[in-house]
């Protein structure tokens, strides 16, 4: 497991019953991939020995992690939908997800 490799800990906080968290209507496969990838990315892009927080609330699911300093040129693109660098090793600037409920 990636968390064990990087010696990270995942702290789970459930502020509500799991059944009460956001009724989510989405493509099952894509949602499964999303929920699996977000914690993996949090672990991958955190310094070793980090603590990753996973919080379930009635109106939100939150995954937070520490990160190294963000270069000022990368701060500018934090509000953009996607920012990537082709041909370079992956470097996380921001990892986020917004699910719109319609």
N, C-alpha and C. Protein backbone atom coordinates (compact mmCIF):
# COMPACT_ATOMS: atom_id res chain seq x y z
N UNK A 1 0.85 -1.19 0.00
CA UNK A 1 0.00 0.00 0.00
C UNK A 1 0.88 1.24 0.00
N UNK A 2 0.47 2.25 -0.75
CA UNK A 2 1.25 3.47 -0.92
C UNK A 2 1.49 4.19 0.40
N UNK A 3 0.48 4.24 1.26
CA UNK A 3 0.64 4.93 2.55
C UNK A 3 1.73 4.28 3.37
N UNK A 4 1.81 2.97 3.36
CA UNK A 4 2.84 2.26 4.12
C UNK A 4 4.22 2.54 3.53
N UNK A 5 4.31 2.53 2.20
CA UNK A 5 5.58 2.81 1.52
C UNK A 5 6.12 4.19 1.89
N UNK A 6 5.26 5.18 1.89
CA UNK A 6 5.67 6.56 2.17
C UNK A 6 5.56 6.89 3.65
N UNK A 7 5.16 5.91 4.45
CA UNK A 7 5.04 6.04 5.90
C UNK A 7 4.12 7.21 6.29
N UNK A 8 3.00 7.29 5.56
CA UNK A 8 1.98 8.29 5.84
C UNK A 8 0.86 7.62 6.64
N UNK A 9 0.15 8.43 7.41
CA UNK A 9 -1.01 7.93 8.16
C UNK A 9 -2.26 8.62 7.64
N UNK A 10 -3.35 7.87 7.58
CA UNK A 10 -4.62 8.44 7.18
C UNK A 10 -5.51 8.50 8.41
N UNK A 11 -5.90 9.71 8.78
CA UNK A 11 -6.80 9.91 9.92
C UNK A 11 -8.21 10.07 9.38
N UNK A 12 -9.11 9.23 9.84
CA UNK A 12 -10.50 9.28 9.39
C UNK A 12 -11.36 9.92 10.47
N UNK A 13 -12.16 10.87 10.05
CA UNK A 13 -13.08 11.54 10.97
C UNK A 13 -14.47 11.48 10.36
N UNK A 14 -15.38 10.83 11.05
CA UNK A 14 -16.75 10.71 10.57
C UNK A 14 -17.63 11.59 11.46
N UNK A 15 -18.07 12.71 10.92
CA UNK A 15 -18.92 13.64 11.67
C UNK A 15 -20.40 13.34 11.49
N UNK A 16 -20.68 12.29 10.76
CA UNK A 16 -22.05 11.88 10.51
C UNK A 16 -22.05 10.41 10.16
N UNK A 17 -23.21 9.82 10.10
CA UNK A 17 -23.34 8.44 9.67
C UNK A 17 -22.99 8.35 8.19
N UNK A 18 -22.29 7.31 7.77
CA UNK A 18 -21.89 7.18 6.37
C UNK A 18 -23.09 7.25 5.42
N UNK A 19 -24.22 6.72 5.82
CA UNK A 19 -25.41 6.74 4.97
C UNK A 19 -25.98 8.15 4.80
N UNK A 20 -25.62 9.07 5.69
CA UNK A 20 -26.16 10.43 5.64
C UNK A 20 -25.31 11.38 4.81
N UNK A 21 -24.17 10.92 4.30
CA UNK A 21 -23.27 11.80 3.53
C UNK A 21 -23.84 12.00 2.14
N UNK A 22 -24.03 13.25 1.79
CA UNK A 22 -24.40 13.65 0.43
C UNK A 22 -25.02 12.55 -0.42
N UNK A 23 -26.24 12.56 -0.69
CA UNK A 23 -26.71 11.59 -1.68
C UNK A 23 -26.05 11.92 -3.02
N UNK A 24 -25.19 11.06 -3.49
CA UNK A 24 -24.42 11.33 -4.71
C UNK A 24 -25.00 10.50 -5.85
N UNK A 25 -25.34 11.19 -6.93
CA UNK A 25 -25.80 10.53 -8.15
C UNK A 25 -24.76 10.82 -9.21
N UNK A 26 -24.00 9.80 -9.57
CA UNK A 26 -22.94 9.97 -10.56
C UNK A 26 -22.66 8.63 -11.21
N UNK A 27 -21.90 8.65 -12.26
CA UNK A 27 -21.47 7.42 -12.90
C UNK A 27 -20.68 6.61 -11.88
N UNK A 28 -21.11 5.41 -11.60
CA UNK A 28 -20.51 4.58 -10.55
C UNK A 28 -19.03 4.35 -10.79
N UNK A 29 -18.65 4.03 -12.02
CA UNK A 29 -17.24 3.74 -12.33
C UNK A 29 -16.37 4.97 -12.12
N UNK A 30 -16.82 6.12 -12.65
CA UNK A 30 -16.02 7.34 -12.51
C UNK A 30 -15.93 7.79 -11.06
N UNK A 31 -17.01 7.67 -10.33
CA UNK A 31 -16.99 8.06 -8.92
C UNK A 31 -16.06 7.14 -8.12
N UNK A 32 -16.07 5.86 -8.43
CA UNK A 32 -15.17 4.92 -7.77
C UNK A 32 -13.71 5.28 -8.04
N UNK A 33 -13.40 5.60 -9.27
CA UNK A 33 -12.03 6.00 -9.63
C UNK A 33 -11.64 7.27 -8.88
N UNK A 34 -12.54 8.23 -8.83
CA UNK A 34 -12.28 9.49 -8.15
C UNK A 34 -11.99 9.26 -6.67
N UNK A 35 -12.84 8.51 -6.02
CA UNK A 35 -12.69 8.29 -4.58
C UNK A 35 -11.44 7.47 -4.27
N UNK A 36 -11.02 6.63 -5.19
CA UNK A 36 -9.79 5.87 -4.99
C UNK A 36 -8.56 6.73 -5.28
N UNK A 37 -8.64 7.59 -6.29
CA UNK A 37 -7.46 8.37 -6.71
C UNK A 37 -7.14 9.54 -5.78
N UNK A 38 -8.15 10.19 -5.21
CA UNK A 38 -7.87 11.36 -4.37
C UNK A 38 -6.98 11.03 -3.16
N UNK A 39 -7.29 9.99 -2.38
CA UNK A 39 -6.38 9.66 -1.27
C UNK A 39 -4.99 9.24 -1.78
N UNK A 40 -4.95 8.48 -2.88
CA UNK A 40 -3.65 8.07 -3.45
C UNK A 40 -2.81 9.29 -3.82
N UNK A 41 -3.44 10.29 -4.46
CA UNK A 41 -2.72 11.51 -4.84
C UNK A 41 -2.27 12.29 -3.61
N UNK A 42 -3.12 12.34 -2.60
CA UNK A 42 -2.75 13.04 -1.36
C UNK A 42 -1.51 12.41 -0.75
N UNK A 43 -1.46 11.10 -0.74
CA UNK A 43 -0.28 10.39 -0.19
C UNK A 43 0.93 10.61 -1.08
N UNK A 44 0.75 10.45 -2.38
CA UNK A 44 1.85 10.54 -3.33
C UNK A 44 2.53 11.91 -3.31
N UNK A 45 1.75 12.98 -3.18
CA UNK A 45 2.31 14.32 -3.26
C UNK A 45 2.55 14.98 -1.91
N UNK A 46 2.45 14.21 -0.84
CA UNK A 46 2.78 14.71 0.50
C UNK A 46 4.19 14.27 0.85
N UNK A 47 4.85 15.03 1.71
CA UNK A 47 6.16 14.57 2.19
C UNK A 47 6.00 13.25 2.96
N UNK A 48 7.06 12.45 3.00
CA UNK A 48 7.01 11.22 3.78
C UNK A 48 6.66 11.53 5.23
N UNK A 49 6.04 10.59 5.90
CA UNK A 49 5.62 10.69 7.30
C UNK A 49 4.49 11.70 7.51
N UNK A 50 3.75 12.03 6.45
CA UNK A 50 2.66 13.00 6.56
C UNK A 50 1.41 12.36 7.14
N UNK A 51 0.51 13.22 7.58
CA UNK A 51 -0.81 12.79 8.02
C UNK A 51 -1.82 13.31 7.00
N UNK A 52 -2.60 12.39 6.45
CA UNK A 52 -3.64 12.71 5.48
C UNK A 52 -4.96 12.66 6.24
N UNK A 53 -5.77 13.68 6.09
CA UNK A 53 -7.07 13.75 6.79
C UNK A 53 -8.20 13.44 5.83
N UNK A 54 -9.04 12.50 6.20
CA UNK A 54 -10.24 12.15 5.45
C UNK A 54 -11.42 12.44 6.36
N UNK A 55 -12.28 13.37 5.95
CA UNK A 55 -13.40 13.78 6.78
C UNK A 55 -14.71 13.63 6.02
N UNK A 56 -15.67 12.97 6.66
CA UNK A 56 -17.02 12.85 6.12
C UNK A 56 -17.96 13.70 6.94
N UNK A 57 -18.66 14.60 6.27
CA UNK A 57 -19.69 15.42 6.89
C UNK A 57 -20.98 15.20 6.12
N UNK A 58 -22.06 15.71 6.65
CA UNK A 58 -23.35 15.57 5.97
C UNK A 58 -23.32 16.18 4.58
N UNK A 59 -22.61 17.31 4.42
CA UNK A 59 -22.60 18.02 3.14
C UNK A 59 -21.28 17.97 2.40
N UNK A 60 -20.32 17.18 2.87
CA UNK A 60 -19.04 17.18 2.17
C UNK A 60 -18.20 15.95 2.50
N UNK A 61 -17.31 15.66 1.60
CA UNK A 61 -16.26 14.68 1.80
C UNK A 61 -14.97 15.44 1.56
N UNK A 62 -14.05 15.40 2.50
CA UNK A 62 -12.84 16.21 2.42
C UNK A 62 -11.60 15.34 2.60
N UNK A 63 -10.63 15.53 1.72
CA UNK A 63 -9.33 14.87 1.85
C UNK A 63 -8.29 15.97 1.81
N UNK A 64 -7.53 16.13 2.89
CA UNK A 64 -6.51 17.17 2.95
C UNK A 64 -5.16 16.56 3.29
N UNK A 65 -4.13 17.22 2.81
CA UNK A 65 -2.78 16.74 3.04
C UNK A 65 -1.80 17.90 3.05
N UNK A 66 -0.68 17.73 3.76
CA UNK A 66 0.36 18.77 3.71
C UNK A 66 1.08 18.71 2.37
N UNK A 67 1.70 19.80 2.00
CA UNK A 67 2.48 19.80 0.77
C UNK A 67 3.71 20.68 0.96
N UNK A 68 4.64 20.53 0.07
CA UNK A 68 5.82 21.37 0.09
C UNK A 68 5.43 22.76 -0.40
N UNK A 69 6.32 23.72 -0.25
CA UNK A 69 6.05 25.08 -0.70
C UNK A 69 5.66 25.08 -2.18
N UNK A 70 4.71 25.94 -2.53
CA UNK A 70 4.26 26.06 -3.91
C UNK A 70 4.91 27.28 -4.53
N UNK A 71 5.55 27.08 -5.68
CA UNK A 71 6.22 28.18 -6.37
C UNK A 71 5.21 29.25 -6.76
N UNK A 72 5.64 30.51 -6.74
CA UNK A 72 4.72 31.62 -7.00
C UNK A 72 4.08 31.53 -8.38
N UNK A 73 4.80 31.02 -9.38
CA UNK A 73 4.20 30.91 -10.72
C UNK A 73 3.08 29.86 -10.74
N UNK A 74 3.14 28.90 -9.83
CA UNK A 74 2.09 27.89 -9.76
C UNK A 74 0.89 28.37 -8.96
N UNK A 75 1.09 29.33 -8.06
CA UNK A 75 -0.03 29.87 -7.29
C UNK A 75 -1.06 30.52 -8.21
N UNK A 76 -0.58 31.10 -9.31
CA UNK A 76 -1.47 31.80 -10.24
C UNK A 76 -2.49 30.86 -10.87
N UNK A 77 -2.12 29.61 -11.06
CA UNK A 77 -3.02 28.69 -11.78
C UNK A 77 -3.84 27.81 -10.83
N UNK A 78 -3.80 28.09 -9.54
CA UNK A 78 -4.53 27.25 -8.59
C UNK A 78 -6.03 27.29 -8.78
N UNK A 79 -6.57 28.36 -9.34
CA UNK A 79 -8.02 28.44 -9.53
C UNK A 79 -8.44 27.94 -10.91
N UNK A 80 -7.48 27.54 -11.74
CA UNK A 80 -7.83 27.03 -13.06
C UNK A 80 -8.35 25.60 -12.93
N UNK A 81 -9.17 25.21 -13.90
CA UNK A 81 -9.74 23.87 -13.88
C UNK A 81 -8.66 22.81 -13.97
N UNK A 82 -7.67 22.98 -14.83
CA UNK A 82 -6.61 22.00 -14.98
C UNK A 82 -5.34 22.70 -15.39
N UNK A 83 -4.24 22.28 -14.82
CA UNK A 83 -2.93 22.80 -15.20
C UNK A 83 -1.97 21.63 -15.23
N UNK A 84 -1.36 21.41 -16.36
CA UNK A 84 -0.44 20.28 -16.47
C UNK A 84 0.80 20.65 -17.25
N UNK A 85 1.77 19.80 -17.14
CA UNK A 85 3.04 20.01 -17.85
C UNK A 85 3.33 18.76 -18.65
N UNK A 86 3.21 18.84 -19.96
CA UNK A 86 3.47 17.67 -20.78
C UNK A 86 4.96 17.39 -20.85
N UNK A 87 5.29 16.11 -20.82
CA UNK A 87 6.67 15.70 -20.99
C UNK A 87 7.53 15.86 -19.75
N UNK A 88 6.99 16.31 -18.64
CA UNK A 88 7.77 16.47 -17.42
C UNK A 88 7.23 15.54 -16.36
N UNK A 89 8.08 15.24 -15.40
CA UNK A 89 7.65 14.41 -14.28
C UNK A 89 6.50 15.11 -13.56
N UNK A 90 5.51 14.33 -13.16
CA UNK A 90 4.35 14.90 -12.49
C UNK A 90 4.76 15.64 -11.22
N UNK A 91 4.25 16.84 -11.08
CA UNK A 91 4.48 17.65 -9.88
C UNK A 91 3.15 18.28 -9.51
N UNK A 92 2.69 17.97 -8.34
CA UNK A 92 1.37 18.48 -7.94
C UNK A 92 1.46 19.95 -7.58
N UNK A 93 0.59 20.71 -8.16
CA UNK A 93 0.44 22.10 -7.78
C UNK A 93 -0.80 22.19 -6.92
N UNK A 94 -1.86 21.61 -7.41
CA UNK A 94 -3.11 21.61 -6.67
C UNK A 94 -3.88 20.36 -7.10
N UNK A 95 -4.49 19.73 -6.18
CA UNK A 95 -5.34 18.59 -6.50
C UNK A 95 -6.69 18.88 -5.91
N UNK A 96 -7.66 18.99 -6.74
CA UNK A 96 -8.99 19.27 -6.22
C UNK A 96 -10.04 18.71 -7.13
N UNK A 97 -11.22 18.67 -6.63
CA UNK A 97 -12.32 18.13 -7.41
C UNK A 97 -13.59 18.84 -6.99
N UNK A 98 -14.40 19.12 -7.96
CA UNK A 98 -15.69 19.74 -7.69
C UNK A 98 -16.75 18.89 -8.35
N UNK A 99 -17.67 18.39 -7.56
CA UNK A 99 -18.80 17.65 -8.11
C UNK A 99 -20.00 18.57 -8.06
N UNK A 100 -20.61 18.80 -9.19
CA UNK A 100 -21.80 19.64 -9.24
C UNK A 100 -23.03 18.77 -9.12
N UNK A 101 -23.88 19.12 -8.20
CA UNK A 101 -25.11 18.37 -8.01
C UNK A 101 -26.22 19.07 -8.79
N UNK A 102 -26.82 18.35 -9.73
CA UNK A 102 -27.92 18.92 -10.53
C UNK A 102 -29.17 18.11 -10.35
